[in-house]
Structures are given as structure tokens and as C-alpha cells.
C-alpha atoms as a PDB file:
ATOM      1  CA  UNK A   1     -67.488 158.169 321.263  1.00  0.00           C
ATOM      2  CA  UNK A   2     -69.490 155.687 319.185  1.00  0.00           C
ATOM      3  CA  UNK A   3     -69.268 156.005 315.117  1.00  0.00           C
ATOM      4  CA  UNK A   4     -72.383 157.050 313.485  1.00  0.00           C
ATOM      5  CA  UNK A   5     -73.336 154.504 311.131  1.00  0.00           C
ATOM      6  CA  UNK A   6     -73.625 157.105 308.317  1.00  0.00           C
ATOM      7  CA  UNK A   7     -69.746 158.022 308.616  1.00  0.00           C
ATOM      8  CA  UNK A   8     -68.787 155.357 305.687  1.00  0.00           C
ATOM      9  CA  UNK A   9     -71.805 156.900 303.383  1.00  0.00           C
ATOM     10  CA  UNK A  10     -71.088 157.929 300.223  1.00  0.00           C
ATOM     11  CA  UNK A  11     -73.492 159.527 297.120  1.00  0.00           C
ATOM     12  CA  UNK A  12     -73.819 156.399 294.872  1.00  0.00           C
ATOM     13  CA  UNK A  13     -76.368 155.534 291.814  1.00  0.00           C
ATOM     14  CA  UNK A  14     -75.618 151.707 292.059  1.00  0.00           C
ATOM     15  CA  UNK A  15     -78.711 149.917 291.760  1.00  0.00           C
ATOM     16  CA  UNK A  16     -80.852 153.044 291.387  1.00  0.00           C
ATOM     17  CA  UNK A  17     -83.615 152.510 289.374  1.00  0.00           C
ATOM     18  CA  UNK A  18     -84.005 155.074 286.243  1.00  0.00           C
ATOM     19  CA  UNK A  19     -80.347 156.596 287.388  1.00  0.00           C
ATOM     20  CA  UNK A  20     -79.079 156.152 284.011  1.00  0.00           C
ATOM     21  CA  UNK A  21     -82.046 158.233 282.369  1.00  0.00           C
ATOM     22  CA  UNK A  22     -81.104 160.493 285.157  1.00  0.00           C
ATOM     23  CA  UNK A  23     -77.631 161.111 284.368  1.00  0.00           C
ATOM     24  CA  UNK A  24     -78.669 161.548 280.466  1.00  0.00           C
ATOM     25  CA  UNK A  25     -81.460 163.789 281.041  1.00  0.00           C
ATOM     26  CA  UNK A  26     -78.516 165.507 283.520  1.00  0.00           C
ATOM     27  CA  UNK A  27     -75.801 166.092 280.662  1.00  0.00           C
ATOM     28  CA  UNK A  28     -78.493 166.854 278.371  1.00  0.00           C
ATOM     29  CA  UNK A  29     -79.078 169.917 280.620  1.00  0.00           C
ATOM     30  CA  UNK A  30     -75.756 170.656 280.926  1.00  0.00           C
ATOM     31  CA  UNK A  31     -75.550 170.694 277.080  1.00  0.00           C
ATOM     32  CA  UNK A  32     -78.443 173.078 276.522  1.00  0.00           C
ATOM     33  CA  UNK A  33     -77.381 175.764 279.739  1.00  0.00           C
ATOM     34  CA  UNK A  34     -73.722 175.341 277.533  1.00  0.00           C
ATOM     35  CA  UNK A  35     -75.380 175.991 274.035  1.00  0.00           C
ATOM     36  CA  UNK A  36     -77.740 178.896 275.730  1.00  0.00           C
ATOM     37  CA  UNK A  37     -74.244 180.246 277.137  1.00  0.00           C
ATOM     38  CA  UNK A  38     -72.271 180.060 273.789  1.00  0.00           C
ATOM     39  CA  UNK A  39     -75.449 181.933 272.406  1.00  0.00           C
ATOM     40  CA  UNK A  40     -75.758 184.686 274.894  1.00  0.00           C
ATOM     41  CA  UNK A  41     -71.751 185.874 274.768  1.00  0.00           C
ATOM     42  CA  UNK A  42     -72.566 185.584 270.481  1.00  0.00           C
ATOM     43  CA  UNK A  43     -75.032 188.224 271.144  1.00  0.00           C
ATOM     44  CA  UNK A  44     -72.967 190.351 273.458  1.00  0.00           C
ATOM     45  CA  UNK A  45     -69.978 189.734 270.784  1.00  0.00           C
ATOM     46  CA  UNK A  46     -72.934 191.415 267.662  1.00  0.00           C
ATOM     47  CA  UNK A  47     -74.098 194.048 270.038  1.00  0.00           C
ATOM     48  CA  UNK A  48     -70.677 195.139 271.400  1.00  0.00           C
ATOM     49  CA  UNK A  49     -69.341 195.079 267.739  1.00  0.00           C
ATOM     50  CA  UNK A  50     -72.311 196.563 265.869  1.00  0.00           C
ATOM     51  CA  UNK A  51     -73.106 199.372 268.046  1.00  0.00           C
ATOM     52  CA  UNK A  52     -69.946 201.299 267.938  1.00  0.00           C
ATOM     53  CA  UNK A  53     -71.759 204.468 267.441  1.00  0.00           C
ATOM     54  CA  UNK A  54     -74.324 204.017 270.441  1.00  0.00           C
ATOM     55  CA  UNK A  55     -72.053 203.562 273.517  1.00  0.00           C
ATOM     56  CA  UNK A  56     -74.728 202.091 275.740  1.00  0.00           C
ATOM     57  CA  UNK A  57     -75.191 199.131 273.760  1.00  0.00           C
ATOM     58  CA  UNK A  58     -71.568 198.651 273.624  1.00  0.00           C
ATOM     59  CA  UNK A  59     -71.578 198.021 277.340  1.00  0.00           C
ATOM     60  CA  UNK A  60     -74.782 196.368 277.558  1.00  0.00           C
ATOM     61  CA  UNK A  61     -72.768 193.983 274.717  1.00  0.00           C
ATOM     62  CA  UNK A  62     -69.914 193.590 276.989  1.00  0.00           C
ATOM     63  CA  UNK A  63     -72.086 192.347 279.822  1.00  0.00           C
ATOM     64  CA  UNK A  64     -73.827 189.894 277.606  1.00  0.00           C
ATOM     65  CA  UNK A  65     -70.176 188.352 276.898  1.00  0.00           C
ATOM     66  CA  UNK A  66     -69.258 188.540 280.681  1.00  0.00           C
ATOM     67  CA  UNK A  67     -72.438 186.787 281.649  1.00  0.00           C
ATOM     68  CA  UNK A  68     -71.854 183.941 279.526  1.00  0.00           C
ATOM     69  CA  UNK A  69     -68.870 183.358 280.327  1.00  0.00           C
ATOM     70  CA  UNK A  70     -69.516 183.726 283.957  1.00  0.00           C
ATOM     71  CA  UNK A  71     -72.770 181.066 282.973  1.00  0.00           C
ATOM     72  CA  UNK A  72     -70.820 178.686 281.621  1.00  0.00           C
ATOM     73  CA  UNK A  73     -67.588 178.700 283.731  1.00  0.00           C
ATOM     74  CA  UNK A  74     -70.336 178.148 286.573  1.00  0.00           C
ATOM     75  CA  UNK A  75     -71.882 175.312 284.543  1.00  0.00           C
ATOM     76  CA  UNK A  76     -68.603 173.960 284.285  1.00  0.00           C
ATOM     77  CA  UNK A  77     -67.700 174.236 288.117  1.00  0.00           C
ATOM     78  CA  UNK A  78     -71.279 173.101 289.198  1.00  0.00           C
ATOM     79  CA  UNK A  79     -69.916 169.154 290.070  1.00  0.00           C
ATOM     80  CA  UNK A  80     -66.458 170.221 291.344  1.00  0.00           C
ATOM     81  CA  UNK A  81     -68.491 172.699 293.486  1.00  0.00           C
ATOM     82  CA  UNK A  82     -71.641 169.972 294.579  1.00  0.00           C
ATOM     83  CA  UNK A  83     -68.472 167.899 295.501  1.00  0.00           C
ATOM     84  CA  UNK A  84     -66.190 170.234 297.261  1.00  0.00           C
ATOM     85  CA  UNK A  85     -69.831 171.228 299.749  1.00  0.00           C
ATOM     86  CA  UNK A  86     -70.681 167.699 300.048  1.00  0.00           C
ATOM     87  CA  UNK A  87     -67.111 167.080 301.015  1.00  0.00           C
ATOM     88  CA  UNK A  88     -67.191 170.180 303.272  1.00  0.00           C
ATOM     89  CA  UNK A  89     -70.520 168.481 305.149  1.00  0.00           C
ATOM     90  CA  UNK A  90     -68.937 165.033 305.156  1.00  0.00           C
ATOM     91  CA  UNK A  91     -65.922 167.050 307.541  1.00  0.00           C
ATOM     92  CA  UNK A  92     -68.311 168.580 310.275  1.00  0.00           C
END
């Protein structure tokens, strides 16, 4: 069986025009997304704690805290997820 010419292909930004700008924009997007997650967690914590008499709002606050934490986790895992999926695609 002949080897595919694409077997040795791996992603690289070497020589790509605008690669540094793209990496900066991606880094800024990660920073903004993590900031939003942090604000969601703070809002949820304030809602959770500040609405002791209103159980519905307390539950909503807990949901915001969980959503912000899960969002931050997914953002942190995004590079790993993409890498694992790429490697899985190369294996097939």
C-alpha cells in the first residue's frame, strides 16, 4: 500500500502571514471569555447569597456559578480538545 503524501502533515504557523496577529487575537479572545466567566461567577455568587429569602433566585445564582465554572473549564480545555480531536482524525 502506498503512503499518503498527507501522512507527515502537521499544523504550523511558520511562514504564515498574519500568524502573530491571529495568535494575539486568539489570546485576547481567551482573556475576554475567561473574564466573562469570572463575572458570571461573581454575579451568581451575589445572587445566590443575596437572595436568602427567595429560593428561586438562590437556585438561579447557583446555576450561574456552575455555568461560569463550566465555561472557564471548557475554555481552558479548548486547546487540548482540539489537539486530541486532530490526533484522532490523523489516526484514522
